N, C-alpha and C. Protein backbone atom coordinates (compact mmCIF):
# COMPACT_ATOMS: atom_id res chain seq x y z
N MET A 1 -10.84 -25.49 23.13
CA MET A 1 -10.50 -23.58 23.17
C MET A 1 -10.47 -23.53 21.52
N THR A 2 -10.39 -22.03 21.27
CA THR A 2 -10.79 -22.20 19.80
C THR A 2 -9.43 -20.76 19.90
N THR A 3 -9.53 -20.73 18.61
CA THR A 3 -8.49 -20.06 18.69
C THR A 3 -9.01 -17.70 18.08
N THR A 4 -8.27 -17.18 19.20
CA THR A 4 -8.63 -16.17 19.63
C THR A 4 -7.64 -15.55 18.04
N VAL A 5 -8.35 -14.51 16.99
CA VAL A 5 -7.77 -13.46 16.67
C VAL A 5 -7.95 -11.77 17.49
N GLU A 6 -6.77 -10.91 16.65
CA GLU A 6 -7.42 -9.15 17.20
C GLU A 6 -6.80 -8.78 16.72
N ILE A 7 -7.36 -7.92 16.14
CA ILE A 7 -7.37 -6.83 15.50
C ILE A 7 -6.93 -5.18 15.27
N TYR A 8 -6.19 -4.03 15.42
CA TYR A 8 -5.83 -3.17 16.20
C TYR A 8 -5.85 -2.35 14.15
N THR A 9 -7.36 -1.71 14.31
CA THR A 9 -7.50 -0.43 12.70
C THR A 9 -7.07 0.96 13.07
N LYS A 10 -7.81 1.63 12.47
CA LYS A 10 -8.48 2.72 12.16
C LYS A 10 -8.70 2.90 11.01
N PHE A 11 -9.22 3.92 10.79
CA PHE A 11 -10.58 4.58 10.35
C PHE A 11 -10.32 4.91 8.77
N GLY A 12 -10.51 4.47 7.42
CA GLY A 12 -9.21 4.49 6.34
C GLY A 12 -7.65 3.66 6.18
N CYS A 13 -8.23 3.18 6.85
CA CYS A 13 -6.65 2.74 6.35
C CYS A 13 -6.50 1.36 5.77
N PRO A 14 -6.18 1.56 4.32
CA PRO A 14 -6.28 0.06 3.26
C PRO A 14 -5.36 -0.94 4.31
N TYR A 15 -4.42 -0.63 4.41
CA TYR A 15 -3.71 -1.87 4.89
C TYR A 15 -4.11 -3.01 5.70
N CYS A 16 -5.40 -2.31 6.80
CA CYS A 16 -6.17 -2.67 7.66
C CYS A 16 -7.03 -3.38 6.50
N VAL A 17 -8.26 -2.53 5.70
CA VAL A 17 -8.85 -3.31 5.47
C VAL A 17 -8.27 -4.32 4.34
N ARG A 18 -7.59 -4.55 4.03
CA ARG A 18 -6.57 -5.36 3.67
C ARG A 18 -6.77 -6.98 4.25
N ALA A 19 -6.11 -6.35 5.45
CA ALA A 19 -5.75 -7.63 6.42
C ALA A 19 -7.08 -8.57 6.96
N LYS A 20 -8.28 -8.01 7.32
CA LYS A 20 -9.17 -8.53 7.76
C LYS A 20 -9.67 -8.95 6.32
N HIS A 21 -10.10 -8.43 4.85
CA HIS A 21 -10.35 -8.89 3.74
C HIS A 21 -9.97 -10.54 3.29
N LEU A 22 -8.08 -10.74 3.76
CA LEU A 22 -7.78 -12.07 4.02
C LEU A 22 -7.94 -12.91 4.99
N LEU A 23 -8.42 -12.38 6.96
CA LEU A 23 -9.38 -13.50 7.65
C LEU A 23 -10.76 -13.09 6.50
N ASP A 24 -11.25 -12.57 6.60
CA ASP A 24 -12.69 -13.03 6.03
C ASP A 24 -12.90 -13.90 4.82
N THR A 25 -11.56 -14.17 4.09
CA THR A 25 -11.93 -15.02 2.74
C THR A 25 -11.90 -15.96 3.65
N LYS A 26 -11.00 -16.21 4.34
CA LYS A 26 -10.37 -17.72 6.00
C LYS A 26 -11.21 -17.66 6.23
N ARG A 27 -11.97 -17.20 6.90
CA ARG A 27 -13.96 -16.87 7.67
C ARG A 27 -12.69 -17.60 9.07
N VAL A 28 -11.92 -16.22 9.12
CA VAL A 28 -11.79 -15.91 10.44
C VAL A 28 -12.88 -15.16 11.14
N SER A 29 -12.92 -15.63 12.34
CA SER A 29 -13.70 -15.09 13.31
C SER A 29 -12.94 -14.28 14.02
N TYR A 30 -12.45 -12.73 14.21
CA TYR A 30 -11.68 -11.37 14.71
C TYR A 30 -12.79 -10.67 15.03
N GLN A 31 -11.83 -10.51 16.49
CA GLN A 31 -11.58 -8.90 17.60
C GLN A 31 -11.91 -7.71 16.77
N GLU A 32 -12.31 -6.81 16.88
CA GLU A 32 -11.29 -6.27 15.94
C GLU A 32 -11.27 -4.18 16.87
N TYR A 33 -10.81 -3.80 17.60
CA TYR A 33 -10.80 -2.68 18.01
C TYR A 33 -10.14 -1.62 17.30
N ASP A 34 -10.74 -0.65 17.29
CA ASP A 34 -10.40 1.08 16.52
C ASP A 34 -9.38 1.80 17.44
N VAL A 35 -8.59 1.86 16.51
CA VAL A 35 -7.62 2.77 17.57
C VAL A 35 -7.59 4.10 17.00
N THR A 36 -8.66 5.00 16.22
CA THR A 36 -8.40 5.62 15.09
C THR A 36 -8.89 6.94 15.95
N MET A 37 -8.81 6.49 17.04
CA MET A 37 -8.79 8.13 17.58
C MET A 37 -8.05 8.32 19.80
N GLY A 38 -7.68 7.50 19.11
CA GLY A 38 -5.87 7.24 20.72
C GLY A 38 -7.07 6.25 21.22
N GLY A 39 -6.68 6.27 22.37
CA GLY A 39 -7.57 6.04 23.18
C GLY A 39 -6.62 5.14 24.55
N ALA A 40 -7.77 3.91 24.98
CA ALA A 40 -6.63 3.53 26.07
C ALA A 40 -6.77 2.44 25.10
N LYS A 41 -7.53 1.58 23.60
CA LYS A 41 -7.17 0.51 22.86
C LYS A 41 -6.02 0.92 22.53
N ARG A 42 -5.60 2.25 22.10
CA ARG A 42 -4.39 2.67 20.66
C ARG A 42 -3.15 2.71 22.81
N ASP A 43 -3.27 2.16 23.44
CA ASP A 43 -2.28 1.77 24.92
C ASP A 43 -2.56 0.85 24.70
N GLU A 44 -3.80 -0.25 25.25
CA GLU A 44 -2.92 -0.70 25.66
C GLU A 44 -2.67 -1.46 24.07
N MET A 45 -3.02 -1.96 22.58
CA MET A 45 -2.25 -2.38 22.03
C MET A 45 0.09 -1.27 21.62
N LEU A 46 -0.08 -0.32 21.74
CA LEU A 46 1.46 -0.62 22.25
C LEU A 46 1.83 -1.12 23.75
N ALA A 47 0.91 -0.90 24.26
CA ALA A 47 2.02 -2.26 25.48
C ALA A 47 1.84 -3.45 24.66
N ARG A 48 0.92 -4.40 24.02
CA ARG A 48 1.47 -5.89 24.10
C ARG A 48 3.15 -5.44 22.52
N ALA A 49 2.36 -4.42 21.73
CA ALA A 49 3.54 -4.87 21.07
C ALA A 49 4.48 -3.26 21.02
N PRO A 50 5.26 -3.55 21.30
CA PRO A 50 5.86 -1.63 21.58
C PRO A 50 6.84 -1.14 20.99
N ASP A 51 6.76 -2.21 19.73
CA ASP A 51 7.76 -1.37 18.89
C ASP A 51 5.99 -0.53 17.34
N ALA A 52 4.81 -1.17 17.78
CA ALA A 52 3.84 -0.92 16.51
C ALA A 52 3.91 0.78 16.69
N ARG A 53 4.15 1.07 15.70
CA ARG A 53 3.75 2.47 15.29
C ARG A 53 2.32 2.66 15.04
N THR A 54 2.23 1.05 13.66
CA THR A 54 1.59 1.55 11.95
C THR A 54 0.15 0.58 12.42
N VAL A 55 -1.66 0.30 12.30
CA VAL A 55 -1.58 -0.28 12.20
C VAL A 55 -2.14 -1.34 10.74
N PRO A 56 -2.70 -2.42 10.59
CA PRO A 56 -3.24 -2.51 11.82
C PRO A 56 -1.69 -3.85 12.49
N GLN A 57 -2.61 -3.80 14.12
CA GLN A 57 -1.49 -4.98 13.98
C GLN A 57 -2.00 -5.93 14.69
N ILE A 58 -1.77 -7.33 14.34
CA ILE A 58 -2.35 -8.29 14.66
C ILE A 58 -2.02 -8.95 15.76
N PHE A 59 -2.72 -9.72 16.30
CA PHE A 59 -1.92 -10.71 17.68
C PHE A 59 -3.21 -12.40 17.22
N ILE A 60 -2.54 -13.52 17.45
CA ILE A 60 -3.26 -14.59 17.02
C ILE A 60 -2.43 -15.02 18.79
N ASN A 61 -4.04 -15.85 18.80
CA ASN A 61 -3.95 -16.23 20.51
C ASN A 61 -2.73 -15.30 20.92
N GLY A 62 -2.72 -13.89 21.26
CA GLY A 62 -1.68 -13.91 22.50
C GLY A 62 -1.31 -13.03 21.84
N ALA A 63 -0.60 -13.87 20.36
CA ALA A 63 1.11 -13.66 19.95
C ALA A 63 1.09 -12.71 18.95
N ALA A 64 1.62 -11.52 18.93
CA ALA A 64 2.02 -10.56 18.17
C ALA A 64 2.75 -11.17 17.17
N ILE A 65 1.70 -10.25 15.80
CA ILE A 65 2.04 -11.26 14.60
C ILE A 65 3.20 -9.77 13.83
N GLY A 66 2.31 -8.96 13.62
CA GLY A 66 2.61 -7.44 13.11
C GLY A 66 1.41 -6.80 12.36
N GLY A 67 1.97 -6.85 11.06
CA GLY A 67 0.55 -5.95 10.24
C GLY A 67 0.09 -6.69 9.51
N SER A 68 -0.56 -6.15 7.93
CA SER A 68 -1.14 -6.77 6.85
C SER A 68 -0.09 -7.01 6.27
N ASP A 69 1.27 -6.65 5.39
CA ASP A 69 1.86 -7.51 5.07
C ASP A 69 2.93 -8.68 5.61
N ASP A 70 3.08 -8.98 6.72
CA ASP A 70 3.12 -9.94 7.14
C ASP A 70 2.06 -10.74 8.12
N LEU A 71 0.74 -10.84 7.87
CA LEU A 71 0.17 -11.74 7.36
C LEU A 71 0.15 -12.42 6.76
N ARG A 72 0.01 -10.96 5.52
CA ARG A 72 0.54 -11.66 4.05
C ARG A 72 1.36 -13.35 3.80
N GLU A 73 2.48 -12.55 4.42
CA GLU A 73 3.62 -13.51 4.66
C GLU A 73 3.46 -14.84 4.82
N LEU A 74 2.23 -14.34 5.78
CA LEU A 74 2.27 -15.98 6.37
C LEU A 74 1.65 -17.17 5.65
N GLU A 75 0.56 -16.43 4.74
CA GLU A 75 -0.51 -17.19 4.22
C GLU A 75 0.83 -17.70 3.08
N SER A 76 1.40 -16.49 2.67
CA SER A 76 1.81 -16.25 1.54
C SER A 76 2.92 -18.36 1.55
N GLU A 77 3.97 -17.97 2.82
CA GLU A 77 4.18 -19.26 3.32
C GLU A 77 3.56 -20.71 4.00
N GLY A 78 2.71 -20.44 4.30
CA GLY A 78 1.12 -21.29 5.34
C GLY A 78 1.57 -22.01 6.10
N ARG A 79 1.43 -21.23 7.07
CA ARG A 79 2.51 -21.53 7.92
C ARG A 79 0.79 -20.54 8.83
N LEU A 80 0.27 -19.71 8.03
CA LEU A 80 -1.07 -19.01 8.92
C LEU A 80 -2.43 -20.21 9.29
N ASP A 81 -2.55 -20.75 8.39
CA ASP A 81 -3.39 -22.21 8.61
C ASP A 81 -3.22 -22.80 9.24
N ILE A 82 -2.81 -22.76 9.56
CA ILE A 82 -0.96 -23.66 11.73
C ILE A 82 -1.03 -22.51 11.90
N MET A 83 -1.23 -21.90 12.51
CA MET A 83 -1.50 -20.62 12.45
C MET A 83 -2.88 -21.14 13.66
N LEU A 84 -4.21 -20.16 12.65
CA LEU A 84 -5.25 -20.41 13.06
C LEU A 84 -5.92 -21.50 13.37
N ASN A 85 -5.51 -22.78 13.41
CA ASN A 85 -6.02 -24.13 13.34
C ASN A 85 -6.06 -24.80 14.51
N ALA A 86 -4.12 -23.87 15.53
CA ALA A 86 -3.63 -23.25 16.41
C ALA A 86 -4.58 -23.86 18.24
N THR A 87 -4.32 -24.41 18.94
CA THR A 87 -5.46 -23.78 20.43
C THR A 87 -5.09 -22.51 20.89
N GLY A 88 -5.39 -21.71 21.25
CA GLY A 88 -5.75 -20.69 22.33
C GLY A 88 -5.63 -20.96 23.79
N GLY A 89 -3.84 -20.74 24.68
CA GLY A 89 -3.95 -21.65 26.37
C GLY A 89 -3.45 -21.21 26.72
């Protein structure tokens, strides 16, 4: 099974752009969910990460890792590649 990356975003969000750019530079495929207008995907995001009130919200293999700063921190610590190379189960 391959690694699954999901990112909840809003239109015009600079943090969302930053997170997607990092994933793009690593050539990581991800599923993007636009929650700009709220709706079912925003509700889904809040159910998956109850304390999340900002975007992006990023999930790797179903695990909530947080937002753009959290993604960048994982990268700087060398842990992002480990997570991305792990298979979902």
